[in-house]
Structures are given as C-alpha cells and as structure tokens.
C-alpha cells in the first residue's frame, strides 16, 4: 500500500470532480444563453444594428453592442471555446482521458 500515491490520486480525483462540476455548470449556462447569443449574432451587422448606430445616445445608455469590436470579439470567443470543447471532448472520448 502506497499512502503517498493514494493521497496524490485522491487530490487528482477532487480536482477533476471540481473542474467537471464547474464545467457542467458553465455548459448549462451557455445552453440557457444560446438563444441570446443567436439573437446578438444576428443583430450584429443587420439593418437594425446600423439603424441603432445613428444619432446620439443618452449618456446613461450602455451601447457596447453598437461597437464593431465587442460583438465580433464575443463571436470569436464563443467560436474558440466551442473548438476547445470539441477538441477536449474528442480527446476524452478517444483516449478515455
């Protein structure tokens, strides 16, 4: 019996369990927001988006959505995260790792 190895593996189990639970919670949240993401991505660059960019906004209205960079960056971040999830999922399923 190797107590050091058992302790080390117990730590791995706890870390993996915590990470998996956190990932599952985040995936559930992303699933909840999928409709919002679709609406946002369809809005970006649409006629409505261009129309909303005309004129002066009151100072108290947040309008980052009207910038070109913030929505585009979010689209790219979601895409990159999806590729990362796909690669990780494929590796786990293929290698049981």
PDB file of N, CA and C in Angstrom:
ATOM      1  N   UNK A   1       0.857  -1.187   0.000  1.00  0.00           N
ATOM      2  CA  UNK A   1       0.000   0.000   0.000  1.00  0.00           C
ATOM      3  C   UNK A   1       0.890   1.232   0.000  1.00  0.00           C
ATOM      4  N   UNK A   2       0.602   2.142  -0.927  1.00  0.00           N
ATOM      5  CA  UNK A   2       1.408   3.346  -1.064  1.00  0.00           C
ATOM      6  C   UNK A   2       0.546   4.551  -0.698  1.00  0.00           C
ATOM      7  N   UNK A   3       0.679   5.019   0.526  1.00  0.00           N
ATOM      8  CA  UNK A   3      -0.136   6.128   1.047  1.00  0.00           C
ATOM      9  C   UNK A   3       0.108   7.407   0.237  1.00  0.00           C
ATOM     10  N   UNK A   4       1.348   7.651  -0.137  1.00  0.00           N
ATOM     11  CA  UNK A   4       1.662   8.850  -0.916  1.00  0.00           C
ATOM     12  C   UNK A   4       0.908   8.834  -2.249  1.00  0.00           C
ATOM     13  N   UNK A   5       0.889   7.701  -2.933  1.00  0.00           N
ATOM     14  CA  UNK A   5       0.191   7.587  -4.220  1.00  0.00           C
ATOM     15  C   UNK A   5      -1.315   7.738  -4.027  1.00  0.00           C
ATOM     16  N   UNK A   6      -1.846   7.106  -2.985  1.00  0.00           N
ATOM     17  CA  UNK A   6      -3.286   7.214  -2.707  1.00  0.00           C
ATOM     18  C   UNK A   6      -3.658   8.671  -2.465  1.00  0.00           C
ATOM     19  N   UNK A   7      -2.845   9.352  -1.678  1.00  0.00           N
ATOM     20  CA  UNK A   7      -3.105  10.769  -1.372  1.00  0.00           C
ATOM     21  C   UNK A   7      -3.029  11.625  -2.640  1.00  0.00           C
ATOM     22  N   UNK A   8      -2.036  11.346  -3.463  1.00  0.00           N
ATOM     23  CA  UNK A   8      -1.889  12.073  -4.718  1.00  0.00           C
ATOM     24  C   UNK A   8      -3.102  11.841  -5.626  1.00  0.00           C
ATOM     25  N   UNK A   9      -3.517  10.601  -5.771  1.00  0.00           N
ATOM     26  CA  UNK A   9      -4.658  10.270  -6.630  1.00  0.00           C
ATOM     27  C   UNK A   9      -5.954  10.832  -6.062  1.00  0.00           C
ATOM     28  N   UNK A  10      -6.083  10.869  -4.753  1.00  0.00           N
ATOM     29  CA  UNK A  10      -7.254  11.472  -4.113  1.00  0.00           C
ATOM     30  C   UNK A  10      -7.326  12.958  -4.458  1.00  0.00           C
ATOM     31  N   UNK A  11      -6.172  13.626  -4.459  1.00  0.00           N
ATOM     32  CA  UNK A  11      -6.125  15.041  -4.857  1.00  0.00           C
ATOM     33  C   UNK A  11      -6.553  15.222  -6.298  1.00  0.00           C
ATOM     34  N   UNK A  12      -6.074  14.322  -7.182  1.00  0.00           N
ATOM     35  CA  UNK A  12      -6.479  14.377  -8.584  1.00  0.00           C
ATOM     36  C   UNK A  12      -7.986  14.193  -8.731  1.00  0.00           C
ATOM     37  N   UNK A  13      -8.519  13.237  -7.989  1.00  0.00           N
ATOM     38  CA  UNK A  13      -9.966  12.983  -8.033  1.00  0.00           C
ATOM     39  C   UNK A  13     -10.739  14.230  -7.622  1.00  0.00           C
ATOM     40  N   UNK A  14     -10.318  14.851  -6.544  1.00  0.00           N
ATOM     41  CA  UNK A  14     -11.019  16.046  -6.054  1.00  0.00           C
ATOM     42  C   UNK A  14     -10.924  17.193  -7.060  1.00  0.00           C
ATOM     43  N   UNK A  15      -9.742  17.413  -7.640  1.00  0.00           N
ATOM     44  CA  UNK A  15      -9.577  18.477  -8.629  1.00  0.00           C
ATOM     45  C   UNK A  15     -10.421  18.217  -9.873  1.00  0.00           C
ATOM     46  N   UNK A  16     -10.395  16.976 -10.355  1.00  0.00           N
ATOM     47  CA  UNK A  16     -11.162  16.632 -11.556  1.00  0.00           C
ATOM     48  C   UNK A  16     -12.660  16.737 -11.306  1.00  0.00           C
ATOM     49  N   UNK A  17     -13.093  16.310 -10.129  1.00  0.00           N
ATOM     50  CA  UNK A  17     -14.514  16.405  -9.782  1.00  0.00           C
ATOM     51  C   UNK A  17     -14.961  17.865  -9.744  1.00  0.00           C
ATOM     52  N   UNK A  18     -14.162  18.706  -9.101  1.00  0.00           N
ATOM     53  CA  UNK A  18     -14.487  20.132  -9.018  1.00  0.00           C
ATOM     54  C   UNK A  18     -14.517  20.766 -10.406  1.00  0.00           C
ATOM     55  N   UNK A  19     -13.529  20.453 -11.241  1.00  0.00           N
ATOM     56  CA  UNK A  19     -13.473  21.022 -12.586  1.00  0.00           C
ATOM     57  C   UNK A  19     -14.648  20.551 -13.435  1.00  0.00           C
ATOM     58  N   UNK A  20     -14.989  19.278 -13.342  1.00  0.00           N
ATOM     59  CA  UNK A  20     -16.105  18.746 -14.124  1.00  0.00           C
ATOM     60  C   UNK A  20     -17.420  19.379 -13.694  1.00  0.00           C
ATOM     61  N   UNK A  21     -17.618  19.517 -12.401  1.00  0.00           N
ATOM     62  CA  UNK A  21     -18.845  20.157 -11.910  1.00  0.00           C
ATOM     63  C   UNK A  21     -18.926  21.608 -12.368  1.00  0.00           C
ATOM     64  N   UNK A  22     -17.801  22.322 -12.317  1.00  0.00           N
ATOM     65  CA  UNK A  22     -17.778  23.710 -12.775  1.00  0.00           C
ATOM     66  C   UNK A  22     -18.029  23.822 -14.266  1.00  0.00           C
ATOM     67  N   UNK A  23     -17.424  22.921 -15.033  1.00  0.00           N
ATOM     68  CA  UNK A  23     -17.627  22.930 -16.483  1.00  0.00           C
ATOM     69  C   UNK A  23     -19.077  22.632 -16.825  1.00  0.00           C
ATOM     70  N   UNK A  24     -19.647  21.655 -16.153  1.00  0.00           N
ATOM     71  CA  UNK A  24     -21.054  21.305 -16.401  1.00  0.00           C
ATOM     72  C   UNK A  24     -21.968  22.492 -16.099  1.00  0.00           C
ATOM     73  N   UNK A  25     -21.689  23.197 -15.011  1.00  0.00           N
ATOM     74  CA  UNK A  25     -22.491  24.377 -14.675  1.00  0.00           C
ATOM     75  C   UNK A  25     -22.351  25.449 -15.749  1.00  0.00           C
ATOM     76  N   UNK A  26     -21.143  25.674 -16.243  1.00  0.00           N
ATOM     77  CA  UNK A  26     -20.933  26.671 -17.284  1.00  0.00           C
ATOM     78  C   UNK A  26     -21.574  26.250 -18.604  1.00  0.00           C
ATOM     79  N   UNK A  27     -21.502  24.967 -18.937  1.00  0.00           N
ATOM     80  CA  UNK A  27     -22.157  24.492 -20.155  1.00  0.00           C
ATOM     81  C   UNK A  27     -23.667  24.650 -20.059  1.00  0.00           C
ATOM     82  N   UNK A  28     -24.220  24.370 -18.883  1.00  0.00           N
ATOM     83  CA  UNK A  28     -25.659  24.581 -18.676  1.00  0.00           C
ATOM     84  C   UNK A  28     -26.009  26.057 -18.874  1.00  0.00           C
ATOM     85  N   UNK A  29     -25.173  26.953 -18.363  1.00  0.00           N
ATOM     86  CA  UNK A  29     -25.410  28.391 -18.503  1.00  0.00           C
ATOM     87  C   UNK A  29     -25.323  28.817 -19.972  1.00  0.00           C
ATOM     88  N   UNK A  30     -24.334  28.290 -20.690  1.00  0.00           N
ATOM     89  CA  UNK A  30     -24.218  28.613 -22.106  1.00  0.00           C
ATOM     90  C   UNK A  30     -25.431  28.109 -22.887  1.00  0.00           C
ATOM     91  N   UNK A  31     -25.920  26.957 -22.513  1.00  0.00           N
ATOM     92  CA  UNK A  31     -27.118  26.416 -23.173  1.00  0.00           C
ATOM     93  C   UNK A  31     -28.310  27.335 -22.922  1.00  0.00           C
ATOM     94  N   UNK A  32     -28.435  27.839 -21.705  1.00  0.00           N
ATOM     95  CA  UNK A  32     -29.515  28.774 -21.378  1.00  0.00           C
ATOM     96  C   UNK A  32     -29.419  30.049 -22.216  1.00  0.00           C
ATOM     97  N   UNK A  33     -28.198  30.481 -22.493  1.00  0.00           N
ATOM     98  CA  UNK A  33     -27.971  31.743 -23.199  1.00  0.00           C
ATOM     99  C   UNK A  33     -27.859  31.584 -24.708  1.00  0.00           C
ATOM    100  N   UNK A  34     -27.995  30.379 -25.204  1.00  0.00           N
ATOM    101  CA  UNK A  34     -27.808  30.150 -26.634  1.00  0.00           C
ATOM    102  C   UNK A  34     -28.756  30.989 -27.480  1.00  0.00           C
ATOM    103  N   UNK A  35     -29.995  31.116 -27.069  1.00  0.00           N
ATOM    104  CA  UNK A  35     -30.944  31.959 -27.796  1.00  0.00           C
ATOM    105  C   UNK A  35     -30.517  33.422 -27.794  1.00  0.00           C
ATOM    106  N   UNK A  36     -29.982  33.880 -26.670  1.00  0.00           N
ATOM    107  CA  UNK A  36     -29.495  35.263 -26.596  1.00  0.00           C
ATOM    108  C   UNK A  36     -28.303  35.457 -27.520  1.00  0.00           C
ATOM    109  N   UNK A  37     -27.396  34.469 -27.536  1.00  0.00           N
ATOM    110  CA  UNK A  37     -26.240  34.571 -28.430  1.00  0.00           C
ATOM    111  C   UNK A  37     -26.684  34.612 -29.880  1.00  0.00           C
ATOM    112  N   UNK A  38     -27.626  33.766 -30.233  1.00  0.00           N
ATOM    113  CA  UNK A  38     -28.126  33.751 -31.613  1.00  0.00           C
ATOM    114  C   UNK A  38     -28.712  35.106 -31.976  1.00  0.00           C
ATOM    115  N   UNK A  39     -29.526  35.659 -31.097  1.00  0.00           N
ATOM    116  CA  UNK A  39     -30.127  36.977 -31.356  1.00  0.00           C
ATOM    117  C   UNK A  39     -29.054  38.052 -31.491  1.00  0.00           C
ATOM    118  N   UNK A  40     -28.061  38.030 -30.609  1.00  0.00           N
ATOM    119  CA  UNK A  40     -26.982  39.012 -30.656  1.00  0.00           C
ATOM    120  C   UNK A  40     -26.200  38.897 -31.954  1.00  0.00           C
ATOM    121  N   UNK A  41     -25.846  37.674 -32.332  1.00  0.00           N
ATOM    122  CA  UNK A  41     -25.040  37.470 -33.535  1.00  0.00           C
ATOM    123  C   UNK A  41     -25.828  37.830 -34.795  1.00  0.00           C
ATOM    124  N   UNK A  42     -27.138  37.630 -34.795  1.00  0.00           N
ATOM    125  CA  UNK A  42     -27.967  38.023 -35.931  1.00  0.00           C
ATOM    126  C   UNK A  42     -28.138  39.549 -35.982  1.00  0.00           C
ATOM    127  N   UNK A  43     -28.191  40.182 -34.815  1.00  0.00           N
ATOM    128  CA  UNK A  43     -28.343  41.633 -34.728  1.00  0.00           C
ATOM    129  C   UNK A  43     -27.101  42.346 -35.270  1.00  0.00           C
ATOM    130  N   UNK A  44     -25.926  41.813 -34.924  1.00  0.00           N
ATOM    131  CA  UNK A  44     -24.653  42.418 -35.305  1.00  0.00           C
ATOM    132  C   UNK A  44     -24.551  42.512 -36.831  1.00  0.00           C
ATOM    133  N   UNK A  45     -24.410  43.726 -37.335  1.00  0.00           N
ATOM    134  CA  UNK A  45     -24.281  43.942 -38.773  1.00  0.00           C
ATOM    135  C   UNK A  45     -25.596  43.977 -39.534  1.00  0.00           C
ATOM    136  N   UNK A  46     -26.715  43.816 -38.837  1.00  0.00           N
ATOM    137  CA  UNK A  46     -28.023  43.831 -39.509  1.00  0.00           C
ATOM    138  C   UNK A  46     -28.457  45.269 -39.790  1.00  0.00           C
ATOM    139  N   UNK A  47     -29.545  45.393 -40.525  1.00  0.00           N
ATOM    140  CA  UNK A  47     -30.108  46.724 -40.778  1.00  0.00           C
ATOM    141  C   UNK A  47     -30.471  47.405 -39.472  1.00  0.00           C
ATOM    142  N   UNK A  48     -31.053  46.648 -38.531  1.00  0.00           N
ATOM    143  CA  UNK A  48     -31.408  47.223 -37.223  1.00  0.00           C
ATOM    144  C   UNK A  48     -30.168  47.751 -36.513  1.00  0.00           C
ATOM    145  N   UNK A  49     -29.072  47.016 -36.575  1.00  0.00           N
ATOM    146  CA  UNK A  49     -27.827  47.420 -35.923  1.00  0.00           C
ATOM    147  C   UNK A  49     -27.331  48.738 -36.512  1.00  0.00           C
ATOM    148  N   UNK A  50     -27.338  48.832 -37.840  1.00  0.00           N
ATOM    149  CA  UNK A  50     -26.899  50.071 -38.479  1.00  0.00           C
ATOM    150  C   UNK A  50     -27.835  51.229 -38.134  1.00  0.00           C
ATOM    151  N   UNK A  51     -29.118  50.955 -38.098  1.00  0.00           N
ATOM    152  CA  UNK A  51     -30.092  51.996 -37.739  1.00  0.00           C
ATOM    153  C   UNK A  51     -29.870  52.474 -36.308  1.00  0.00           C
ATOM    154  N   UNK A  52     -29.603  51.525 -35.400  1.00  0.00           N
ATOM    155  CA  UNK A  52     -29.405  51.872 -33.985  1.00  0.00           C
ATOM    156  C   UNK A  52     -28.120  52.661 -33.756  1.00  0.00           C
ATOM    157  N   UNK A  53     -27.195  52.618 -34.686  1.00  0.00           N
ATOM    158  CA  UNK A  53     -25.928  53.336 -34.561  1.00  0.00           C
ATOM    159  C   UNK A  53     -26.063  54.798 -34.964  1.00  0.00           C
ATOM    160  N   UNK A  54     -27.176  55.173 -35.565  1.00  0.00           N
ATOM    161  CA  UNK A  54     -27.384  56.555 -36.000  1.00  0.00           C
ATOM    162  C   UNK A  54     -27.870  57.403 -34.832  1.00  0.00           C
ATOM    163  N   UNK A  55     -27.483  58.635 -34.823  1.00  0.00           N
ATOM    164  CA  UNK A  55     -27.971  59.558 -33.809  1.00  0.00           C
ATOM    165  C   UNK A  55     -27.149  59.503 -32.534  1.00  0.00           C
ATOM    166  N   UNK A  56     -27.569  60.304 -31.580  1.00  0.00           N
ATOM    167  CA  UNK A  56     -26.883  60.431 -30.294  1.00  0.00           C
ATOM    168  C   UNK A  56     -27.626  59.632 -29.229  1.00  0.00           C
ATOM    169  N   UNK A  57     -26.880  58.891 -28.465  1.00  0.00           N
ATOM    170  CA  UNK A  57     -27.450  58.136 -27.347  1.00  0.00           C
ATOM    171  C   UNK A  57     -27.333  58.944 -26.062  1.00  0.00           C
ATOM    172  N   UNK A  58     -28.292  58.800 -25.160  1.00  0.00           N
ATOM    173  CA  UNK A  58     -28.124  59.404 -23.837  1.00  0.00           C
ATOM    174  C   UNK A  58     -26.886  58.813 -23.157  1.00  0.00           C
ATOM    175  N   UNK A  59     -26.239  59.603 -22.313  1.00  0.00           N
ATOM    176  CA  UNK A  59     -25.011  59.164 -21.660  1.00  0.00           C
ATOM    177  C   UNK A  59     -25.226  57.946 -20.771  1.00  0.00           C
ATOM    178  N   UNK A  60     -26.419  57.766 -20.242  1.00  0.00           N
ATOM    179  CA  UNK A  60     -26.661  56.681 -19.294  1.00  0.00           C
ATOM    180  C   UNK A  60     -27.046  55.353 -19.971  1.00  0.00           C
ATOM    181  N   UNK A  61     -26.991  55.301 -21.300  1.00  0.00           N
ATOM    182  CA  UNK A  61     -27.338  54.075 -22.033  1.00  0.00           C
ATOM    183  C   UNK A  61     -26.049  53.375 -22.456  1.00  0.00           C
ATOM    184  N   UNK A  62     -25.846  52.177 -21.927  1.00  0.00           N
ATOM    185  CA  UNK A  62     -24.690  51.376 -22.335  1.00  0.00           C
ATOM    186  C   UNK A  62     -24.938  50.875 -23.754  1.00  0.00           C
ATOM    187  N   UNK A  63     -23.941  51.030 -24.611  1.00  0.00           N
ATOM    188  CA  UNK A  63     -24.143  50.679 -26.019  1.00  0.00           C
ATOM    189  C   UNK A  63     -22.916  50.001 -26.621  1.00  0.00           C
ATOM    190  N   UNK A  64     -22.234  49.190 -25.835  1.00  0.00           N
ATOM    191  CA  UNK A  64     -21.104  48.443 -26.356  1.00  0.00           C
ATOM    192  C   UNK A  64     -21.488  47.555 -27.517  1.00  0.00           C
ATOM    193  N   UNK A  65     -22.743  47.156 -27.534  1.00  0.00           N
ATOM    194  CA  UNK A  65     -23.252  46.300 -28.605  1.00  0.00           C
ATOM    195  C   UNK A  65     -23.201  46.994 -29.960  1.00  0.00           C
ATOM    196  N   UNK A  66     -23.099  48.313 -29.960  1.00  0.00           N
ATOM    197  CA  UNK A  66     -23.039  49.050 -31.214  1.00  0.00           C
ATOM    198  C   UNK A  66     -21.611  49.194 -31.744  1.00  0.00           C
ATOM    199  N   UNK A  67     -20.643  48.804 -30.936  1.00  0.00           N
ATOM    200  CA  UNK A  67     -19.264  48.848 -31.420  1.00  0.00           C
ATOM    201  C   UNK A  67     -19.041  47.669 -32.358  1.00  0.00           C
ATOM    202  N   UNK A  68     -18.070  47.801 -33.197  1.00  0.00           N
ATOM    203  CA  UNK A  68     -17.769  46.696 -34.099  1.00  0.00           C
ATOM    204  C   UNK A  68     -16.950  45.623 -33.398  1.00  0.00           C
ATOM    205  N   UNK A  69     -16.104  46.013 -32.478  1.00  0.00           N
ATOM    206  CA  UNK A  69     -15.170  45.071 -31.885  1.00  0.00           C
ATOM    207  C   UNK A  69     -15.779  44.172 -30.802  1.00  0.00           C
ATOM    208  N   UNK A  70     -16.590  44.719 -29.925  1.00  0.00           N
ATOM    209  CA  UNK A  70     -17.055  43.932 -28.784  1.00  0.00           C
ATOM    210  C   UNK A  70     -17.895  42.723 -29.199  1.00  0.00           C
ATOM    211  N   UNK A  71     -18.826  42.915 -30.096  1.00  0.00           N
ATOM    212  CA  UNK A  71     -19.666  41.787 -30.527  1.00  0.00           C
ATOM    213  C   UNK A  71     -18.835  40.807 -31.346  1.00  0.00           C
ATOM    214  N   UNK A  72     -18.008  41.324 -32.236  1.00  0.00           N
ATOM    215  CA  UNK A  72     -17.142  40.448 -33.037  1.00  0.00           C
ATOM    216  C   UNK A  72     -16.230  39.622 -32.123  1.00  0.00           C
ATOM    217  N   UNK A  73     -15.643  40.274 -31.115  1.00  0.00           N
ATOM    218  CA  UNK A  73     -14.779  39.558 -30.173  1.00  0.00           C
ATOM    219  C   UNK A  73     -15.549  38.467 -29.433  1.00  0.00           C
ATOM    220  N   UNK A  74     -16.796  38.742 -29.089  1.00  0.00           N
ATOM    221  CA  UNK A  74     -17.619  37.737 -28.418  1.00  0.00           C
ATOM    222  C   UNK A  74     -17.921  36.571 -29.348  1.00  0.00           C
ATOM    223  N   UNK A  75     -18.221  36.872 -30.600  1.00  0.00           N
ATOM    224  CA  UNK A  75     -18.466  35.811 -31.581  1.00  0.00           C
ATOM    225  C   UNK A  75     -17.226  34.924 -31.697  1.00  0.00           C
ATOM    226  N   UNK A  76     -16.054  35.537 -31.798  1.00  0.00           N
ATOM    227  CA  UNK A  76     -14.810  34.772 -31.928  1.00  0.00           C
ATOM    228  C   UNK A  76     -14.501  33.990 -30.649  1.00  0.00           C
ATOM    229  N   UNK A  77     -14.771  34.578 -29.497  1.00  0.00           N
ATOM    230  CA  UNK A  77     -14.524  33.886 -28.227  1.00  0.00           C
ATOM    231  C   UNK A  77     -15.432  32.666 -28.087  1.00  0.00           C
ATOM    232  N   UNK A  78     -16.689  32.811 -28.472  1.00  0.00           N
ATOM    233  CA  UNK A  78     -17.619  31.677 -28.421  1.00  0.00           C
ATOM    234  C   UNK A  78     -17.180  30.586 -29.390  1.00  0.00           C
ATOM    235  N   UNK A  79     -16.728  30.991 -30.561  1.00  0.00           N
ATOM    236  CA  UNK A  79     -16.248  30.035 -31.564  1.00  0.00           C
ATOM    237  C   UNK A  79     -15.016  29.294 -31.056  1.00  0.00           C
ATOM    238  N   UNK A  80     -14.058  30.049 -30.494  1.00  0.00           N
ATOM    239  CA  UNK A  80     -12.837  29.435 -29.969  1.00  0.00           C
ATOM    240  C   UNK A  80     -13.156  28.472 -28.820  1.00  0.00           C
ATOM    241  N   UNK A  81     -14.073  28.870 -27.946  1.00  0.00           N
ATOM    242  CA  UNK A  81     -14.463  27.996 -26.841  1.00  0.00           C
ATOM    243  C   UNK A  81     -15.118  26.719 -27.365  1.00  0.00           C
ATOM    244  N   UNK A  82     -15.930  26.858 -28.403  1.00  0.00           N
ATOM    245  CA  UNK A  82     -16.586  25.682 -28.987  1.00  0.00           C
ATOM    246  C   UNK A  82     -15.551  24.725 -29.569  1.00  0.00           C
ATOM    247  N   UNK A  83     -14.546  25.262 -30.270  1.00  0.00           N
ATOM    248  CA  UNK A  83     -13.482  24.402 -30.804  1.00  0.00           C
ATOM    249  C   UNK A  83     -12.704  23.727 -29.676  1.00  0.00           C
ATOM    250  N   UNK A  84     -12.420  24.481 -28.619  1.00  0.00           N
ATOM    251  CA  UNK A  84     -11.691  23.911 -27.489  1.00  0.00           C
ATOM    252  C   UNK A  84     -12.504  22.793 -26.839  1.00  0.00           C
ATOM    253  N   UNK A  85     -13.808  23.012 -26.663  1.00  0.00           N
ATOM    254  CA  UNK A  85     -14.664  21.968 -26.092  1.00  0.00           C
ATOM    255  C   UNK A  85     -14.694  20.741 -26.987  1.00  0.00           C
ATOM    256  N   UNK A  86     -14.782  20.961 -28.285  1.00  0.00           N
ATOM    257  CA  UNK A  86     -14.818  19.855 -29.243  1.00  0.00           C
ATOM    258  C   UNK A  86     -13.525  19.043 -29.193  1.00  0.00           C
ATOM    259  N   UNK A  87     -12.398  19.728 -29.175  1.00  0.00           N
ATOM    260  CA  UNK A  87     -11.109  19.038 -29.119  1.00  0.00           C
ATOM    261  C   UNK A  87     -10.953  18.261 -27.816  1.00  0.00           C
ATOM    262  N   UNK A  88     -11.330  18.876 -26.697  1.00  0.00           N
ATOM    263  CA  UNK A  88     -11.237  18.199 -25.406  1.00  0.00           C
ATOM    264  C   UNK A  88     -12.173  17.002 -25.354  1.00  0.00           C
ATOM    265  N   UNK A  89     -13.403  17.189 -25.816  1.00  0.00           N
ATOM    266  CA  UNK A  89     -14.380  16.094 -25.811  1.00  0.00           C
ATOM    267  C   UNK A  89     -13.901  14.941 -26.680  1.00  0.00           C
ATOM    268  N   UNK A  90     -13.355  15.254 -27.845  1.00  0.00           N
ATOM    269  CA  UNK A  90     -12.853  14.207 -28.737  1.00  0.00           C
ATOM    270  C   UNK A  90     -11.717  13.444 -28.082  1.00  0.00           C
ATOM    271  N   UNK A  91     -10.807  14.168 -27.444  1.00  0.00           N
ATOM    272  CA  UNK A  91      -9.672  13.529 -26.779  1.00  0.00           C
ATOM    273  C   UNK A  91     -10.162  12.638 -25.627  1.00  0.00           C
ATOM    274  N   UNK A  92     -11.094  13.132 -24.846  1.00  0.00           N
ATOM    275  CA  UNK A  92     -11.626  12.339 -23.733  1.00  0.00           C
ATOM    276  C   UNK A  92     -12.302  11.073 -24.242  1.00  0.00           C
ATOM    277  N   UNK A  93     -13.110  11.222 -25.263  1.00  0.00           N
ATOM    278  CA  UNK A  93     -13.844  10.064 -25.783  1.00  0.00           C
ATOM    279  C   UNK A  93     -12.918   9.048 -26.464  1.00  0.00           C
ATOM    280  N   UNK A  94     -11.911   9.533 -27.187  1.00  0.00           N
ATOM    281  CA  UNK A  94     -10.992   8.636 -27.878  1.00  0.00           C
ATOM    282  C   UNK A  94     -10.031   7.953 -26.927  1.00  0.00           C
ATOM    283  N   UNK A  95      -9.527   8.694 -25.966  1.00  0.00           N
ATOM    284  CA  UNK A  95      -8.442   8.203 -25.120  1.00  0.00           C
ATOM    285  C   UNK A  95      -8.869   7.895 -23.687  1.00  0.00           C
ATOM    286  N   UNK A  96     -10.132   8.152 -23.390  1.00  0.00           N
ATOM    287  CA  UNK A  96     -10.629   7.982 -22.023  1.00  0.00           C
ATOM    288  C   UNK A  96      -9.787   8.785 -21.044  1.00  0.00           C
ATOM    289  N   UNK A  97      -9.359   9.949 -21.501  1.00  0.00           N
ATOM    290  CA  UNK A  97      -8.528  10.845 -20.671  1.00  0.00           C
ATOM    291  C   UNK A  97      -9.222  12.184 -20.582  1.00  0.00           C
TER     292      UNK A  97
END
